[in-house]
Protein backbone atom coordinates (compact mmCIF):
# COMPACT_ATOMS: atom_id res chain seq x y z
CA SER A 1 81.30 225.30 251.20
CA SER A 2 78.33 223.75 249.42
CA PHE A 3 80.06 224.24 246.06
CA GLY A 4 83.18 222.43 247.29
CA SER A 5 81.10 219.56 248.67
CA CYS A 6 79.28 219.26 245.35
CA ALA A 7 82.61 219.17 243.51
CA VAL A 8 83.93 216.40 245.77
CA VAL A 9 80.78 214.32 245.32
CA MET A 10 80.87 214.66 241.52
CA LEU A 11 84.56 213.75 241.31
CA ARG A 12 84.07 210.74 243.59
CA TRP A 13 81.24 209.56 241.33
CA VAL A 14 83.48 209.78 238.26
CA LEU A 15 86.38 207.97 239.92
CA LEU A 16 84.08 205.18 241.11
CA GLN A 17 83.32 204.48 237.45
CA VAL A 18 87.00 203.74 236.72
CA ALA A 19 87.81 200.35 235.24
CA ALA A 20 90.90 198.57 236.57
CA VAL A 21 92.95 199.84 233.64
CA LEU A 22 92.36 201.46 230.27
CA GLY A 23 93.07 200.10 226.84
CA LYS A 24 95.09 196.98 226.17
CA TRP A 25 95.02 195.37 229.61
CA VAL A 26 91.66 195.24 231.36
CA GLU A 27 91.19 193.48 234.68
CA GLY A 28 88.23 193.39 237.01
CA SER A 29 85.31 191.37 238.30
CA ILE A 30 81.65 191.23 237.42
CA SER A 31 78.41 189.79 238.80
CA LEU A 32 75.61 188.78 236.44
CA GLY A 33 72.02 187.80 237.10
CA PRO A 34 69.68 185.86 234.78
CA ASN A 35 69.76 187.05 231.15
CA ALA A 36 72.27 189.77 232.07
CA SER A 37 75.19 191.03 230.01
CA SER A 38 77.81 193.74 230.00
CA ILE A 39 80.40 195.21 227.61
CA ILE A 40 83.64 195.29 229.61
CA THR A 41 86.02 196.88 227.11
CA LYS A 42 86.53 198.16 223.58
CA PHE A 43 89.64 198.37 221.39
CA CYS A 44 90.43 199.66 217.90
CA PHE A 45 92.29 197.03 215.88
CA ASP A 46 94.48 197.63 212.85
CA PHE A 47 93.88 196.02 209.43
CA LEU A 48 95.97 194.15 206.83
CA PRO A 49 94.81 194.32 203.18
CA GLY A 50 94.78 191.04 201.30
CA CYS A 51 95.06 188.80 204.34
CA PRO A 52 92.53 185.88 204.14
CA GLN A 53 89.92 185.97 206.86
CA HIS A 54 90.47 182.47 208.22
CA ALA A 55 93.99 181.72 206.99
CA CYS A 56 95.98 184.88 207.63
CA PRO A 57 99.59 183.96 208.56
CA THR A 58 100.11 187.25 210.41
CA PRO A 59 96.77 188.49 211.77
CA PRO A 60 96.92 192.21 212.63
CA GLY A 61 95.20 191.81 215.99
CA GLN A 62 94.75 189.40 218.86
CA TRP A 63 92.43 189.01 221.86
CA GLU A 64 93.49 187.05 224.93
CA PHE A 65 90.97 186.19 227.63
CA ASN A 66 91.39 184.72 231.07
CA LEU A 67 88.56 184.03 233.51
CA THR A 68 89.61 182.98 237.00
CA GLY A 69 88.60 182.87 240.64
CA ASN A 70 86.14 180.95 242.73
CA ALA A 71 83.12 182.47 241.08
CA GLY A 72 80.03 181.85 243.13
CA PHE A 73 76.97 180.74 241.17
CA SER A 74 73.48 179.47 241.79
CA GLY A 75 70.91 177.83 239.57
CA LYS A 76 72.03 176.93 236.05
CA PRO A 77 74.09 179.80 234.66
CA ARG A 78 75.38 179.70 231.08
CA LEU A 79 78.30 182.03 230.52
CA PHE A 80 79.28 183.32 227.06
CA LEU A 81 81.90 185.68 225.70
CA GLY A 82 81.06 187.65 222.56
CA LEU A 83 83.03 189.94 220.25
CA PHE A 84 81.27 192.64 218.21
CA ASP A 85 82.68 195.13 215.71
CA ASP A 86 81.51 198.55 214.55
CA GLU A 87 79.82 197.34 211.34
CA TYR A 88 76.14 198.22 211.40
CA PHE A 89 74.74 194.70 211.69
CA SER A 90 76.98 193.92 214.64
CA PHE A 91 77.29 196.27 217.62
CA PRO A 92 75.58 199.45 216.30
CA GLU A 93 72.35 197.53 215.66
CA VAL A 94 72.05 196.27 219.23
CA VAL A 95 73.62 198.99 221.38
CA ASN A 96 70.54 201.23 221.49
CA VAL A 97 68.30 198.35 222.64
CA TRP A 98 70.94 196.53 224.65
CA ASP A 99 68.97 196.36 227.88
CA GLN A 100 65.77 195.20 226.17
CA MET A 101 67.19 192.41 223.98
CA PRO A 102 67.36 188.82 225.22
CA CYS A 103 70.83 187.41 225.75
CA ALA A 104 70.59 184.96 222.86
CA GLU A 105 69.51 187.69 220.43
CA LYS A 106 72.54 189.80 221.28
CA LEU A 107 74.88 186.90 220.63
CA LYS A 108 73.41 186.47 217.13
CA HIS A 109 75.03 189.82 216.24
CA ALA A 110 78.45 188.82 217.61
CA LYS A 111 81.26 188.15 215.11
CA TRP A 112 82.68 185.54 217.51
CA SER A 113 81.40 183.85 220.66
CA ALA A 114 82.42 181.08 223.05
CA GLU A 115 80.94 179.30 226.06
CA PRO A 116 83.59 178.79 228.76
CA SER A 117 83.33 175.84 231.09
CA MET A 118 82.34 176.75 234.64
CA GLY A 119 84.46 173.87 235.86
CA GLN A 120 87.56 175.33 234.22
CA ILE A 121 86.79 178.85 235.42
CA THR A 122 86.66 177.72 239.04
CA GLY A 123 89.74 175.53 238.62
CA SER A 124 93.25 176.41 239.73
CA HIS A 125 94.28 177.91 236.37
CA GLY A 126 90.96 179.32 235.26
CA TRP A 127 89.79 179.40 231.64
CA GLY A 128 91.77 181.14 228.92
CA MET A 129 91.78 181.55 225.15
CA ARG A 130 93.52 183.48 222.40
CA VAL A 131 91.57 184.72 219.39
CA PRO A 132 93.39 186.12 216.32
CA LEU A 133 91.60 188.96 214.58
CA THR A 134 91.79 189.68 210.86
CA GLN A 135 90.28 192.55 208.86
CA GLN A 136 91.24 193.86 205.45
CA VAL A 137 89.51 197.18 204.73
CA ARG A 138 90.00 199.63 207.62
CA PRO A 139 90.61 199.84 211.36
CA ARG A 140 87.56 198.85 213.38
CA TRP A 141 86.40 199.23 216.92
CA TRP A 142 85.73 195.90 218.61
CA TYR A 143 83.71 195.36 221.77
CA MET A 144 83.95 192.46 224.22
CA GLY A 145 80.83 191.39 226.09
CA VAL A 146 80.18 188.91 228.90
CA PHE A 147 76.77 187.21 228.83
CA GLN A 148 74.89 185.09 231.35
CA CYS A 149 72.17 183.42 229.33
CA GLY A 150 70.95 180.89 231.89
CA ASP A 151 68.51 181.05 234.79
CA GLY A 152 71.13 181.26 237.53
CA THR A 153 73.41 183.98 238.81
CA LEU A 154 77.17 184.55 238.78
CA GLU A 155 78.99 186.47 241.48
CA GLU A 156 82.48 188.01 241.40
CA LEU A 157 83.64 186.49 238.13
CA LYS A 158 87.20 187.76 237.67
CA TYR A 159 88.46 188.55 234.19
CA LYS A 160 91.65 189.68 232.49
CA VAL A 161 91.58 190.79 228.85
CA HIS A 162 94.67 191.45 226.74
CA MET A 163 94.45 193.20 223.34
CA VAL A 164 97.31 193.60 220.89
CA ASN A 165 97.84 195.18 217.47
CA THR A 166 100.44 192.57 216.57
CA LEU A 167 101.93 194.20 213.44
CA ARG A 168 102.74 197.52 215.09
CA THR A 169 105.77 198.53 217.09
CA GLU A 170 103.26 200.21 219.40
CA ALA A 171 101.39 196.90 219.80
CA GLU A 172 99.96 198.00 223.14
CA LEU A 173 98.07 200.91 221.60
CA SER A 174 94.62 200.97 220.10
CA SER A 175 94.68 202.03 216.43
CA ASP A 176 93.16 205.40 217.29
CA ALA A 177 96.18 206.15 219.52
CA PHE A 178 99.12 205.26 217.26
CA TRP A 179 100.18 208.92 217.02
CA VAL A 180 99.73 209.75 220.68
CA VAL A 181 103.44 209.69 221.62
CA PRO A 182 104.84 211.57 218.55
CA SER A 183 102.14 214.25 218.85
CA ALA A 184 102.84 214.65 222.57
CA VAL A 185 106.58 215.08 221.87
CA VAL A 186 105.89 217.77 219.24
CA PHE A 187 103.60 219.78 221.51
CA VAL A 188 105.88 219.42 224.53
CA LEU A 189 108.68 220.98 222.47
CA ALA A 190 106.37 223.71 221.12
CA PHE A 191 105.01 224.70 224.51
CA GLY A 192 108.45 224.35 226.06
CA GLY A 193 109.60 227.02 223.62
CA LEU A 194 106.67 229.25 224.63
CA THR A 195 107.55 228.74 228.30
CA ALA A 196 111.11 229.88 227.62
CA TRP A 197 109.77 232.88 225.69
CA GLN A 198 107.52 233.91 228.55
CA LEU A 199 110.30 233.56 231.10
CA ARG A 200 112.41 235.88 228.96
CA SER A 201 109.49 238.29 228.54
CA SER A 202 108.91 238.35 232.29
CA SER A 203 112.58 239.04 232.94
CA THR A 204 112.34 241.90 230.41
CA TRP A 205 109.54 243.52 232.42
CA LEU A 206 111.77 243.41 235.48
CA ALA A 207 115.01 244.31 233.70
CA PHE A 208 113.50 247.51 232.29
CA GLY A 209 112.61 248.73 235.77
CA SER A 210 109.09 247.45 236.38
CA ARG A 211 108.56 246.75 240.07
CA GLU A 212 106.58 243.59 239.40
CA ILE A 213 105.28 241.53 236.52
CA PRO A 214 101.75 242.65 235.48
CA PHE A 215 99.00 240.39 236.73
CA ALA A 216 97.70 239.38 233.28
CA VAL A 217 101.25 238.40 232.29
CA LYS A 218 101.45 236.24 235.42
CA LEU A 219 98.23 234.52 234.38
CA LEU A 220 99.65 233.87 230.94
CA ASN A 221 102.88 232.51 232.46
CA LEU A 222 100.86 230.16 234.64
CA SER A 223 98.67 229.07 231.73
CA VAL A 224 101.63 228.26 229.48
CA GLY A 225 103.40 226.47 232.33
CA LEU A 226 100.36 224.38 233.25
CA PHE A 227 99.73 223.33 229.66
CA THR A 228 103.38 222.36 229.26
CA MET A 229 103.34 220.32 232.48
CA GLY A 230 100.08 218.68 231.40
CA LEU A 231 101.65 217.65 228.11
CA LEU A 232 104.69 216.26 229.95
CA CYS A 233 102.43 214.16 232.19
CA ARG A 234 100.53 212.94 229.13
CA LEU A 235 103.80 212.01 227.42
CA ALA A 236 105.02 210.13 230.52
CA HIS A 237 101.75 208.18 230.75
CA TRP A 238 101.60 207.14 227.12
CA THR A 239 105.31 206.36 226.85
CA GLN A 240 104.88 203.88 229.68
CA TYR A 241 101.64 202.65 228.13
CA VAL A 242 103.49 201.69 224.95
CA GLU A 243 105.73 199.49 227.08
CA ASP A 244 103.25 197.72 229.34
CA GLY A 245 99.71 198.50 228.16
CA ARG A 246 98.87 200.12 231.49
CA GLY A 247 100.68 203.45 231.55
CA LEU A 248 101.07 205.76 234.53
CA MET A 249 97.56 206.49 235.72
CA VAL A 250 99.01 208.79 238.37
CA MET A 251 100.03 211.04 235.45
CA GLN A 252 96.87 210.79 233.38
CA VAL A 253 94.49 212.60 235.71
CA PRO A 254 96.92 215.46 236.58
CA SER A 255 97.50 215.89 232.85
CA ARG A 256 93.79 216.47 232.27
CA VAL A 257 93.51 218.80 235.26
CA MET A 258 96.51 220.98 234.36
CA MET A 259 95.58 221.42 230.69
CA LEU A 260 91.99 222.23 231.63
CA LEU A 261 93.07 224.79 234.24
CA SER A 262 95.35 226.36 231.63
CA LYS A 263 92.38 226.89 229.34
CA GLN A 264 90.22 228.36 232.11
CA LEU A 265 93.00 230.81 233.05
CA CYS A 266 93.01 232.08 229.47
CA ILE A 267 89.24 232.54 229.54
CA ALA A 268 89.46 234.49 232.82
CA MET A 269 92.31 236.60 231.43
CA LEU A 270 90.40 237.47 228.24
CA LEU A 271 87.24 238.34 230.14
CA GLN A 272 89.26 240.72 232.30
CA LEU A 273 90.91 242.38 229.30
CA SER A 274 87.55 242.86 227.57
CA ARG A 275 86.21 244.58 230.70
CA ALA A 276 89.07 247.06 230.90
CA LEU A 277 92.25 247.07 228.85
CA SER A 278 94.40 246.65 231.92
CA LEU A 279 97.15 244.18 232.71
CA SER A 280 96.60 244.81 236.41
CA ARG A 281 94.57 242.62 238.73
CA ASN A 282 90.85 242.70 237.83
CA PRO A 283 90.20 246.38 238.51
CA GLU A 284 86.46 246.17 237.79
CA GLY A 285 85.03 243.08 239.44
CA PRO A 286 86.17 239.55 240.36
CA LEU A 287 88.61 237.71 238.15
CA VAL A 288 86.60 234.48 238.17
CA VAL A 289 82.82 234.49 238.53
CA PRO A 290 81.01 231.46 240.04
CA ALA A 291 79.76 230.44 236.59
CA LEU A 292 83.37 229.97 235.47
CA TYR A 293 83.99 227.68 238.45
CA ALA A 294 80.95 225.64 237.40
CA PHE A 295 82.16 225.55 233.79
CA THR A 296 85.61 224.33 234.89
CA LEU A 297 84.13 221.61 237.10
CA LEU A 298 81.74 220.49 234.35
CA CYS A 299 84.59 220.16 231.83
CA LEU A 300 86.73 218.24 234.34
CA VAL A 301 83.97 215.79 235.19
CA LEU A 302 83.18 215.32 231.50
CA GLU A 303 86.77 214.59 230.55
CA LEU A 304 87.31 212.17 233.45
CA TRP A 305 84.01 210.48 232.59
CA GLY A 306 85.14 210.23 228.96
CA ASP A 307 88.38 208.55 230.03
CA TYR A 308 87.16 206.20 232.72
CA ALA A 309 83.40 205.65 232.93
CA ALA A 310 82.17 202.13 232.25
CA GLU A 311 79.42 203.55 230.03
CA ARG A 312 82.12 204.67 227.59
CA ASN A 313 82.72 201.02 226.67
CA TYR A 314 79.52 201.23 224.61
CA ASP A 315 80.41 204.11 222.29
CA THR A 316 83.29 206.01 220.69
CA HIS A 317 81.76 209.51 220.59
CA TYR A 318 83.93 212.49 221.47
CA VAL A 319 82.99 213.53 224.99
CA TYR A 320 81.98 217.05 223.90
CA ASP A 321 79.82 215.55 221.15
CA THR A 322 77.42 214.12 223.74
CA MET A 323 74.42 215.73 225.46
CA PRO A 324 76.44 216.67 228.59
CA GLY A 325 79.18 217.88 226.26
CA MET A 326 76.74 220.20 224.52
CA VAL A 327 76.07 221.85 227.89
CA ALA A 328 79.79 222.64 228.17
CA VAL A 329 79.85 223.93 224.58
CA SER A 330 76.86 226.17 225.40
CA PHE A 331 78.77 227.54 228.39
CA ASP A 332 81.68 228.32 226.08
CA LEU A 333 79.45 230.14 223.63
CA TYR A 334 78.02 232.10 226.55
CA TRP A 335 81.55 233.26 227.47
CA LEU A 336 82.05 234.28 223.84
CA LYS A 337 78.90 236.42 224.02
CA VAL A 338 80.06 238.02 227.29
CA TYR A 339 83.51 238.70 225.84
CA LEU A 340 82.22 240.31 222.64
CA THR A 341 79.64 242.39 224.54
CA GLN A 342 82.27 243.69 226.94
CA LEU A 343 84.68 244.34 224.07
CA ARG A 344 82.05 246.36 222.19
CA ASP A 345 81.19 248.36 225.31
CA LEU A 346 84.88 249.05 225.82
CA TRP A 347 85.25 250.25 222.22
CA ASP A 348 82.22 252.54 222.63
CA ARG A 349 83.44 254.26 225.78
CA THR A 350 87.15 254.64 225.05
CA VAL A 351 88.52 257.65 223.20
CA ASP A 352 92.07 256.30 223.00
CA LEU A 353 92.74 255.44 219.34
CA ARG A 354 95.33 252.82 220.25
CA GLN A 355 92.90 251.02 222.56
CA ARG A 356 90.25 251.16 219.84
CA ALA A 357 92.79 249.69 217.45
CA TYR A 358 93.37 246.84 219.93
CA CYS A 359 89.64 246.14 220.14
CA GLU A 360 89.39 246.03 216.34
CA THR A 361 92.43 243.76 215.83
CA TRP A 362 93.80 241.74 218.74
CA GLY A 363 90.50 241.88 220.63
CA VAL A 364 88.49 240.45 217.75
CA ALA A 365 91.16 237.85 216.99
CA PHE A 366 91.23 236.67 220.62
CA ALA A 367 87.49 236.02 220.44
CA GLY A 368 88.47 232.96 218.42
CA TYR A 369 89.78 231.35 221.60
CA PHE A 370 86.20 230.81 222.76
CA ALA A 371 85.45 228.98 219.51
CA ILE A 372 88.03 226.25 220.12
CA LEU A 373 85.69 223.98 222.08
CA PRO A 374 82.74 224.25 219.63
CA VAL A 375 85.14 223.59 216.72
CA LEU A 376 86.55 220.51 218.46
CA ALA A 377 83.04 219.23 219.21
CA LEU A 378 82.17 219.58 215.51
CA LEU A 379 85.38 217.85 214.42
CA GLY A 380 84.75 215.08 216.95
CA HIS A 381 81.42 214.50 215.23
CA LEU A 382 82.91 214.55 211.72
CA PHE A 383 86.11 212.54 212.25
CA SER A 384 86.07 208.78 211.73
CA PRO A 385 86.05 206.83 215.02
CA TRP A 386 89.51 205.34 214.46
CA VAL A 387 91.17 208.79 214.15
CA ARG A 388 88.82 210.80 216.37
CA ARG A 389 90.77 210.83 219.63
CA GLU A 390 94.18 211.86 218.34
CA GLY A 391 92.77 214.00 215.54
CA VAL A 392 90.81 216.14 218.00
CA PHE A 393 93.74 216.28 220.42
CA MET A 394 96.20 217.43 217.76
CA VAL A 395 93.87 220.09 216.35
CA GLY A 396 93.00 221.31 219.84
CA SER A 397 96.64 221.45 220.98
CA ALA A 398 97.66 223.24 217.77
CA LEU A 399 94.96 225.88 218.33
CA GLN A 400 96.00 226.26 221.97
CA PHE A 401 99.59 226.79 220.83
CA LEU A 402 98.65 229.41 218.24
CA PHE A 403 96.53 231.41 220.67
CA HIS A 404 99.12 231.19 223.45
CA LEU A 405 101.70 232.38 220.94
CA ALA A 406 99.45 235.33 220.06
CA PHE A 407 99.00 236.13 223.77
CA CYS A 408 102.78 236.06 224.25
CA ILE A 409 103.25 238.47 221.35
CA ALA A 410 100.51 240.84 222.52
CA PHE A 411 101.81 240.90 226.12
CA ALA A 412 105.44 241.55 225.23
CA PRO A 413 106.52 244.70 227.16
CA GLU A 414 107.28 246.82 224.09
CA ARG A 415 103.82 246.07 222.66
CA ALA A 416 101.73 245.89 225.83
CA VAL A 417 102.40 249.51 226.87
CA ARG A 418 100.78 250.70 223.64
CA PHE A 419 97.41 249.16 224.39
CA PHE A 420 96.97 248.33 228.07
CA ARG A 421 96.61 250.26 231.29
CA THR A 422 98.82 249.07 234.15
CA ASP A 423 99.24 249.85 237.85
CA SER A 424 101.83 252.50 238.62
CA SER A 425 103.57 249.95 240.86
CA GLU A 426 104.10 247.78 237.79
CA LEU A 427 105.18 250.57 235.42
CA GLN A 428 106.96 252.97 237.71
CA GLY A 429 110.36 253.64 236.29
CA LEU A 430 109.81 251.28 233.35
CA CYS A 431 112.22 252.16 230.53
CA LEU A 432 111.75 250.58 227.13
CA PRO A 433 113.51 250.95 223.80
CA GLU A 434 112.28 254.00 221.95
CA LEU A 435 108.95 253.40 220.20
CA GLU A 436 107.81 255.28 217.12
CA GLY A 437 104.36 256.82 216.97
CA GLU A 438 102.47 258.26 214.03
CA GLY A 439 104.62 260.11 211.50
CA GLY A 440 107.75 258.43 212.86
CA ARG A 441 107.75 260.64 216.00
CA PRO A 442 109.18 258.85 219.04
CA VAL A 443 106.84 257.92 221.85
CA GLY A 444 108.15 258.49 225.39
CA LYS A 445 110.80 256.07 226.61
CA GLN A 446 110.03 256.19 230.36
CA TYR A 447 106.74 255.37 232.03
CA THR A 448 105.99 256.65 235.52
């Protein structure tokens, strides 16, 4: 289909932007024409209060560069390396006019620069250097640029960059990712508990005589399972990353995909419930409309672009706090409008007091699920750059856990039959513990 072809093209474009590796180890090659330059990586370094700038016995960070290969060149190229930090008069002052500024002007804003010898670069061992990094006030983002300030050209210059936070046990990690492994462990355990809960709840539906698990409960089971598996993949990637600075890239992309699909399943499930309080399969229209497919694809491309695109070496903004990200946030607010409109229409046309009670309580509370993405975009704008990534992830995962927990409670068999309609094939013969209605009178025990 044309939609599938479009999806493939967009994903291929994102993956073509991938650098050789993320984070501490960066390897690749670059070609530069006259007066050309490029930022090839960024890294957030830790700080050490009271350590002298030029005489620190244990500097908190270290850069290691290596330029190798038989780089082809013509004319009279002059190659420079430059390091910039996130203080205003360094990188922030030049990034918005990067393509217009002459090479020499950019280097004036660098905190450190060097001119490697072309003879050494093309030699058998290449050119290498280690640069200790000291800062005393706060963590800072640092950016490494390669500059060709001469009249010639350079082709296929190979580079390897190694960045270390030397005082940390997790030396391989950027300062904004120090909590990535502990937070992943916590949420894996939390969602693992929810998975066990849902398995027990599903077995309860069957044990009490239901012929099959209601469709909405199946969606919730799949959502919880996907988010748990995504967290496990994330944990595997970052645990390996702590060891070697490269991680398991084969786990990173599936992690993004599974957690994103989990979120979209919840959106589809809530839109169905707001259309008709039924746990059965979308009785009034398709479960997923084309716009939801587009929203899912947009979020996936955005998150992969945020992880891998070369353009991301130039900024530290949260991906949903960018112009494309605002499009995704607008989509999310649109789903919120659709959900609330459908919920209000449902409240108007139903005469069942219990279903009206659901609309006024659980229904309104579940509307908060659509606010997660806008809230995270706002927090991504407010958080400091050196805590932004993990701060947003932890808040977002905590909110996902709380809403999934609420879904699990609402869809428990003994509670679900009070509010939701269900196919006779799912409820036929269903026997539940006696429920009390108004005035303490028992509500029927068997549903047929």
